[in-house]
N, C-alpha and C. Protein backbone atom coordinates (compact mmCIF):
# COMPACT_ATOMS: atom_id res chain seq x y z
N MET A 1 -34.23 -11.40 19.50
CA MET A 1 -34.50 -10.30 18.44
C MET A 1 -33.69 -8.72 19.09
N SER A 2 -32.87 -8.18 18.36
CA SER A 2 -31.91 -7.18 18.62
C SER A 2 -32.93 -5.87 18.91
N GLU A 3 -32.56 -4.97 19.84
CA GLU A 3 -32.99 -3.66 20.26
C GLU A 3 -33.50 -2.93 19.14
N THR A 4 -32.80 -2.78 18.02
CA THR A 4 -32.82 -2.34 17.13
C THR A 4 -34.25 -2.99 15.93
N HIS A 5 -34.02 -4.02 15.69
CA HIS A 5 -35.52 -4.41 15.57
C HIS A 5 -36.64 -4.52 16.29
N ARG A 6 -36.41 -4.43 17.55
CA ARG A 6 -37.76 -3.96 18.37
C ARG A 6 -38.38 -2.91 18.05
N LYS A 7 -37.02 -1.53 18.06
CA LYS A 7 -37.92 -0.43 18.03
C LYS A 7 -38.34 -0.26 16.75
N LYS A 8 -38.01 -0.81 15.38
CA LYS A 8 -38.53 -1.01 14.18
C LYS A 8 -40.11 -1.47 13.78
N LEU A 9 -39.95 -2.44 14.52
CA LEU A 9 -41.17 -3.26 14.77
C LEU A 9 -42.10 -2.13 15.60
N ALA A 10 -41.70 -1.65 16.73
CA ALA A 10 -42.53 -0.79 17.38
C ALA A 10 -43.44 0.61 16.58
N LYS A 11 -42.85 0.75 15.75
CA LYS A 11 -43.29 2.11 15.12
C LYS A 11 -44.06 1.87 13.72
N ILE A 12 -44.25 0.19 13.04
CA ILE A 12 -44.91 0.04 12.15
C ILE A 12 -46.36 0.37 12.78
N ARG A 13 -47.38 0.58 11.53
CA ARG A 13 -48.57 0.67 11.79
C ARG A 13 -49.13 -0.08 10.55
N PRO A 14 -49.64 -1.47 10.78
CA PRO A 14 -50.19 -2.55 9.83
C PRO A 14 -51.75 -2.23 10.01
N SER A 15 -52.04 -3.03 8.79
CA SER A 15 -53.42 -2.85 8.37
C SER A 15 -53.67 -4.47 8.55
N GLU A 16 -55.16 -4.99 8.67
CA GLU A 16 -55.42 -6.43 8.74
C GLU A 16 -56.51 -5.99 7.96
N GLU A 17 -56.79 -7.33 7.52
CA GLU A 17 -57.96 -7.83 6.36
C GLU A 17 -58.43 -9.10 6.87
N LEU A 18 -59.74 -9.68 7.63
CA LEU A 18 -59.86 -11.12 7.73
C LEU A 18 -60.73 -11.06 6.62
N ARG A 19 -60.98 -12.43 6.11
CA ARG A 19 -61.73 -12.54 4.86
C ARG A 19 -62.14 -14.16 5.26
N ILE A 20 -63.51 -14.55 5.16
CA ILE A 20 -64.28 -15.79 5.44
C ILE A 20 -64.76 -15.92 4.34
N SER A 21 -64.83 -17.54 3.64
CA SER A 21 -65.10 -18.04 2.62
C SER A 21 -65.73 -19.61 3.34
N GLY A 22 -66.92 -19.63 3.60
CA GLY A 22 -67.08 -20.99 3.97
C GLY A 22 -66.75 -21.16 5.52
N ASN A 23 -65.66 -21.92 5.68
CA ASN A 23 -65.04 -22.51 6.81
C ASN A 23 -63.54 -22.12 6.95
N VAL A 24 -62.97 -21.48 5.42
CA VAL A 24 -62.01 -21.14 5.37
C VAL A 24 -61.54 -19.67 5.49
N TRP A 25 -60.75 -19.41 6.62
CA TRP A 25 -60.24 -17.76 6.64
C TRP A 25 -59.56 -17.59 6.32
N THR A 26 -58.84 -16.14 5.84
CA THR A 26 -57.67 -15.55 5.34
C THR A 26 -57.36 -14.32 6.20
N LEU A 27 -56.03 -14.31 6.76
CA LEU A 27 -56.05 -13.21 7.29
C LEU A 27 -54.62 -12.47 6.59
N THR A 28 -54.73 -10.80 6.28
CA THR A 28 -53.66 -10.38 5.56
C THR A 28 -53.71 -9.42 6.29
N THR A 29 -52.15 -9.17 6.48
CA THR A 29 -51.17 -8.14 7.14
C THR A 29 -50.89 -7.46 6.13
N ARG A 30 -50.39 -6.30 6.24
CA ARG A 30 -49.77 -5.43 5.19
C ARG A 30 -49.31 -3.98 6.14
N SER A 31 -48.08 -3.72 5.94
CA SER A 31 -47.20 -2.63 6.61
C SER A 31 -45.85 -2.27 6.10
N GLU A 32 -45.35 -1.48 6.23
CA GLU A 32 -44.41 -0.75 5.66
C GLU A 32 -42.83 -1.92 5.07
N LEU A 33 -43.08 -3.23 6.32
CA LEU A 33 -42.13 -4.00 6.32
C LEU A 33 -42.30 -5.03 5.29
N GLY A 34 -43.99 -5.02 5.10
CA GLY A 34 -44.17 -6.19 3.84
C GLY A 34 -45.27 -6.62 4.59
N ASP A 35 -46.01 -7.39 3.26
CA ASP A 35 -47.39 -7.96 3.78
C ASP A 35 -47.08 -9.72 4.13
N HIS A 36 -48.09 -10.18 4.60
CA HIS A 36 -47.93 -11.47 4.81
C HIS A 36 -49.47 -11.63 4.91
N GLU A 37 -49.52 -13.12 4.59
CA GLU A 37 -51.17 -13.79 4.69
C GLU A 37 -50.79 -15.17 5.01
N ILE A 38 -52.23 -15.55 5.93
CA ILE A 38 -52.06 -16.99 6.08
C ILE A 38 -53.69 -17.19 6.10
N THR A 39 -53.88 -18.54 5.52
CA THR A 39 -55.18 -18.93 5.53
C THR A 39 -55.33 -20.37 6.34
N PHE A 40 -56.32 -20.49 6.90
CA PHE A 40 -56.60 -21.57 8.14
C PHE A 40 -58.16 -21.75 8.20
N THR A 41 -58.30 -22.73 9.20
CA THR A 41 -59.62 -23.05 9.12
C THR A 41 -59.59 -23.25 10.48
N LEU A 42 -60.27 -22.58 11.14
CA LEU A 42 -60.71 -22.68 13.09
C LEU A 42 -60.15 -24.01 13.36
N GLY A 43 -59.65 -24.11 14.15
CA GLY A 43 -59.08 -25.30 15.26
C GLY A 43 -57.92 -26.07 14.70
N GLU A 44 -57.49 -25.76 13.30
CA GLU A 44 -56.50 -26.95 12.53
C GLU A 44 -54.90 -26.10 12.23
N PRO A 45 -53.91 -26.93 12.98
CA PRO A 45 -52.25 -26.03 12.93
C PRO A 45 -52.13 -25.95 11.31
N VAL A 46 -51.43 -25.06 11.40
CA VAL A 46 -50.85 -24.59 10.36
C VAL A 46 -49.38 -24.04 10.40
N PRO A 47 -48.60 -24.14 9.38
CA PRO A 47 -47.53 -23.94 9.40
C PRO A 47 -47.00 -22.53 9.46
N ALA A 48 -46.38 -21.55 10.22
CA ALA A 48 -46.35 -20.32 9.71
C ALA A 48 -45.17 -19.53 10.74
N THR A 49 -44.98 -18.25 10.17
CA THR A 49 -43.68 -17.49 10.91
C THR A 49 -44.15 -16.45 11.20
N ILE A 50 -43.62 -15.99 12.26
CA ILE A 50 -43.96 -14.89 13.22
C ILE A 50 -43.78 -13.91 11.96
N LEU A 51 -44.48 -12.60 12.09
CA LEU A 51 -43.99 -11.27 11.02
C LEU A 51 -42.73 -10.71 11.29
N TYR A 52 -42.08 -10.80 10.16
CA TYR A 52 -41.27 -9.55 10.04
C TYR A 52 -39.76 -10.74 10.48
N GLY A 53 -39.67 -11.83 10.27
CA GLY A 53 -38.07 -12.12 10.35
C GLY A 53 -38.19 -13.23 11.67
N GLY A 54 -39.40 -13.32 12.37
CA GLY A 54 -39.14 -14.16 13.21
C GLY A 54 -38.99 -15.95 12.98
N PRO A 55 -39.00 -16.70 13.81
CA PRO A 55 -38.72 -17.84 13.53
C PRO A 55 -40.11 -18.96 12.99
N ASP A 56 -39.82 -19.97 12.43
CA ASP A 56 -41.02 -20.42 12.20
C ASP A 56 -41.94 -21.55 12.89
N GLY A 57 -42.75 -22.06 12.98
CA GLY A 57 -43.53 -22.94 13.86
C GLY A 57 -44.96 -23.23 13.22
N THR A 58 -45.83 -23.68 14.26
CA THR A 58 -47.42 -23.95 13.59
C THR A 58 -48.12 -22.98 14.54
N THR A 59 -49.20 -22.62 14.10
CA THR A 59 -50.32 -21.83 14.62
C THR A 59 -51.70 -22.33 14.22
N VAL A 60 -52.36 -22.27 15.50
CA VAL A 60 -53.85 -22.67 15.72
C VAL A 60 -54.80 -21.46 15.88
N PHE A 61 -55.67 -21.34 15.03
CA PHE A 61 -56.77 -20.06 15.37
C PHE A 61 -57.93 -20.52 15.87
N THR A 62 -58.59 -19.89 17.14
CA THR A 62 -59.85 -20.38 17.46
C THR A 62 -60.77 -19.00 17.54
N LYS A 63 -62.09 -19.51 17.72
CA LYS A 63 -62.72 -18.05 18.16
C LYS A 63 -63.32 -18.29 19.76
N ASP A 64 -63.34 -16.96 20.27
CA ASP A 64 -63.64 -17.07 21.73
C ASP A 64 -64.91 -16.03 22.02
N GLY A 65 -66.06 -16.67 21.76
CA GLY A 65 -67.22 -15.90 21.69
C GLY A 65 -67.43 -15.10 20.43
N GLY A 66 -68.03 -14.29 19.82
CA GLY A 66 -68.41 -13.93 18.99
C GLY A 66 -67.44 -12.85 18.42
N ASN A 67 -66.69 -12.27 18.95
CA ASN A 67 -65.90 -11.33 18.34
C ASN A 67 -63.90 -11.26 18.89
N LYS A 68 -63.76 -12.52 19.20
CA LYS A 68 -62.26 -12.89 19.76
C LYS A 68 -61.87 -13.86 18.83
N LEU A 69 -60.71 -13.42 17.95
CA LEU A 69 -59.89 -14.77 17.18
C LEU A 69 -58.63 -14.30 17.93
N VAL A 70 -58.39 -15.52 18.28
CA VAL A 70 -57.51 -15.95 19.65
C VAL A 70 -56.41 -17.48 18.46
N GLN A 71 -55.00 -16.56 18.31
CA GLN A 71 -54.16 -17.42 17.63
C GLN A 71 -52.75 -17.99 18.84
N THR A 72 -52.94 -19.04 18.53
CA THR A 72 -51.76 -19.74 19.64
C THR A 72 -50.89 -20.27 18.61
N PHE A 73 -49.59 -19.75 18.57
CA PHE A 73 -48.28 -19.87 18.03
C PHE A 73 -46.98 -20.51 18.80
N ARG A 74 -46.93 -22.05 18.15
CA ARG A 74 -45.75 -22.41 18.70
C ARG A 74 -44.79 -22.88 18.05
N PHE A 75 -43.38 -22.22 18.57
CA PHE A 75 -42.10 -22.13 18.02
C PHE A 75 -40.90 -22.63 19.20
N GLU A 76 -40.12 -23.27 18.54
CA GLU A 76 -38.91 -23.39 19.01
C GLU A 76 -39.00 -23.69 20.91
N GLY A 77 -39.96 -24.54 20.76
CA GLY A 77 -40.63 -24.80 22.43
C GLY A 77 -41.26 -23.48 23.38
N LYS A 78 -41.45 -22.44 22.64
CA LYS A 78 -42.15 -21.24 23.13
C LYS A 78 -43.70 -21.35 22.59
N THR A 79 -44.81 -20.74 23.79
CA THR A 79 -45.93 -20.43 22.78
C THR A 79 -46.06 -18.80 22.85
N ALA A 80 -46.62 -18.45 22.04
CA ALA A 80 -46.75 -17.20 21.93
C ALA A 80 -48.43 -17.18 21.50
N THR A 81 -49.43 -15.97 22.29
CA THR A 81 -50.97 -16.01 22.34
C THR A 81 -50.89 -14.72 21.46
N ILE A 82 -51.96 -14.61 20.49
CA ILE A 82 -52.23 -13.56 20.10
C ILE A 82 -54.08 -13.10 19.90
N ILE A 83 -54.53 -12.66 20.82
CA ILE A 83 -55.95 -12.41 20.69
C ILE A 83 -56.34 -11.24 20.11
N ARG A 84 -57.00 -11.45 18.93
CA ARG A 84 -57.73 -9.67 18.02
C ARG A 84 -59.35 -9.95 18.50
N GLU A 85 -59.85 -8.80 19.22
CA GLU A 85 -60.75 -8.22 20.04
C GLU A 85 -61.55 -7.49 18.84
N TYR A 86 -62.62 -7.76 18.16
CA TYR A 86 -63.56 -6.60 17.14
C TYR A 86 -64.40 -6.02 18.02
N SER A 87 -64.47 -4.68 18.05
CA SER A 87 -65.89 -4.13 18.33
C SER A 87 -65.56 -2.84 18.16
N ASN A 88 -67.17 -2.08 17.67
CA ASN A 88 -67.40 -1.27 17.26
C ASN A 88 -66.19 -0.36 16.30
N GLY A 89 -66.08 -1.14 15.44
CA GLY A 89 -64.73 -0.53 14.30
C GLY A 89 -63.64 -0.30 14.57
N ARG A 90 -63.06 -1.03 16.14
CA ARG A 90 -62.12 -1.23 16.54
C ARG A 90 -61.31 -2.43 16.49
N MET A 91 -60.17 -2.77 16.65
CA MET A 91 -59.74 -3.72 17.32
C MET A 91 -58.57 -3.80 18.21
N LYS A 92 -58.92 -4.72 19.19
CA LYS A 92 -57.73 -4.46 20.26
C LYS A 92 -56.89 -6.10 20.09
N VAL A 93 -55.78 -5.95 20.10
CA VAL A 93 -54.80 -7.06 20.03
C VAL A 93 -54.08 -7.04 21.30
N SER A 94 -54.09 -8.37 21.81
CA SER A 94 -52.90 -8.74 23.10
C SER A 94 -52.35 -9.59 22.93
N CYS A 95 -51.11 -9.55 23.08
CA CYS A 95 -50.16 -10.51 22.74
C CYS A 95 -49.40 -11.25 24.14
N ALA A 96 -49.21 -12.38 24.29
CA ALA A 96 -48.55 -12.51 25.35
C ALA A 96 -47.42 -13.82 24.93
N THR A 97 -46.34 -13.83 25.91
CA THR A 97 -45.25 -14.96 25.54
C THR A 97 -44.41 -15.12 26.51
N ASN A 98 -43.63 -16.15 27.15
CA ASN A 98 -42.91 -15.87 28.10
C ASN A 98 -42.77 -15.00 29.13
N GLY A 99 -44.06 -14.78 29.61
CA GLY A 99 -44.17 -13.95 30.65
C GLY A 99 -44.57 -12.21 30.33
N VAL A 100 -44.10 -12.21 28.96
CA VAL A 100 -44.42 -10.53 28.83
C VAL A 100 -45.31 -10.61 27.64
N SER A 101 -46.34 -9.46 28.03
CA SER A 101 -47.61 -9.18 27.22
C SER A 101 -47.41 -7.61 26.71
N ALA A 102 -48.47 -7.43 25.71
CA ALA A 102 -48.47 -6.17 25.28
C ALA A 102 -49.44 -5.90 24.70
N GLU A 103 -50.35 -4.26 24.42
CA GLU A 103 -51.70 -4.34 24.19
C GLU A 103 -51.70 -3.21 23.11
N ARG A 104 -52.43 -3.33 22.01
CA ARG A 104 -52.47 -2.26 20.96
C ARG A 104 -53.82 -2.36 20.62
N TRP A 105 -54.36 -0.89 20.01
CA TRP A 105 -55.71 -0.62 19.57
C TRP A 105 -55.60 0.20 18.21
N TYR A 106 -56.20 -0.43 17.21
CA TYR A 106 -56.44 -0.25 16.05
C TYR A 106 -57.53 0.35 15.79
N THR A 107 -57.94 1.16 14.88
CA THR A 107 -59.15 1.79 14.25
C THR A 107 -58.99 1.59 12.66
N GLY A 108 -60.62 0.97 12.51
CA GLY A 108 -60.93 0.41 11.13
C GLY A 108 -60.65 1.97 10.43
N GLY A 109 -60.51 1.76 9.11
CA GLY A 109 -60.29 2.83 8.29
C GLY A 109 -61.09 3.16 7.09
């Protein structure tokens, strides 16, 4: 990924909506760069693309306790983990891959 692409991604302010219907979950992400929606069942791999032009792979969502949604994404022989932790109207997103990690906080609107 180019430095220009990284800088552009660092400036976006996405919104996420998580809907649950029975055991089917749908995560919708919206931002200035476009919208992305993924539907899944916990523990089952589904085809996925890293947002905003990343590679294709598979992803599995699991729950960790009552307030954490863990997404494990496998692509090109690599693994990325995204943990969304929900608490008091806020969401903490922790991402890690190849020894690099990042953390962002979001407030509900």
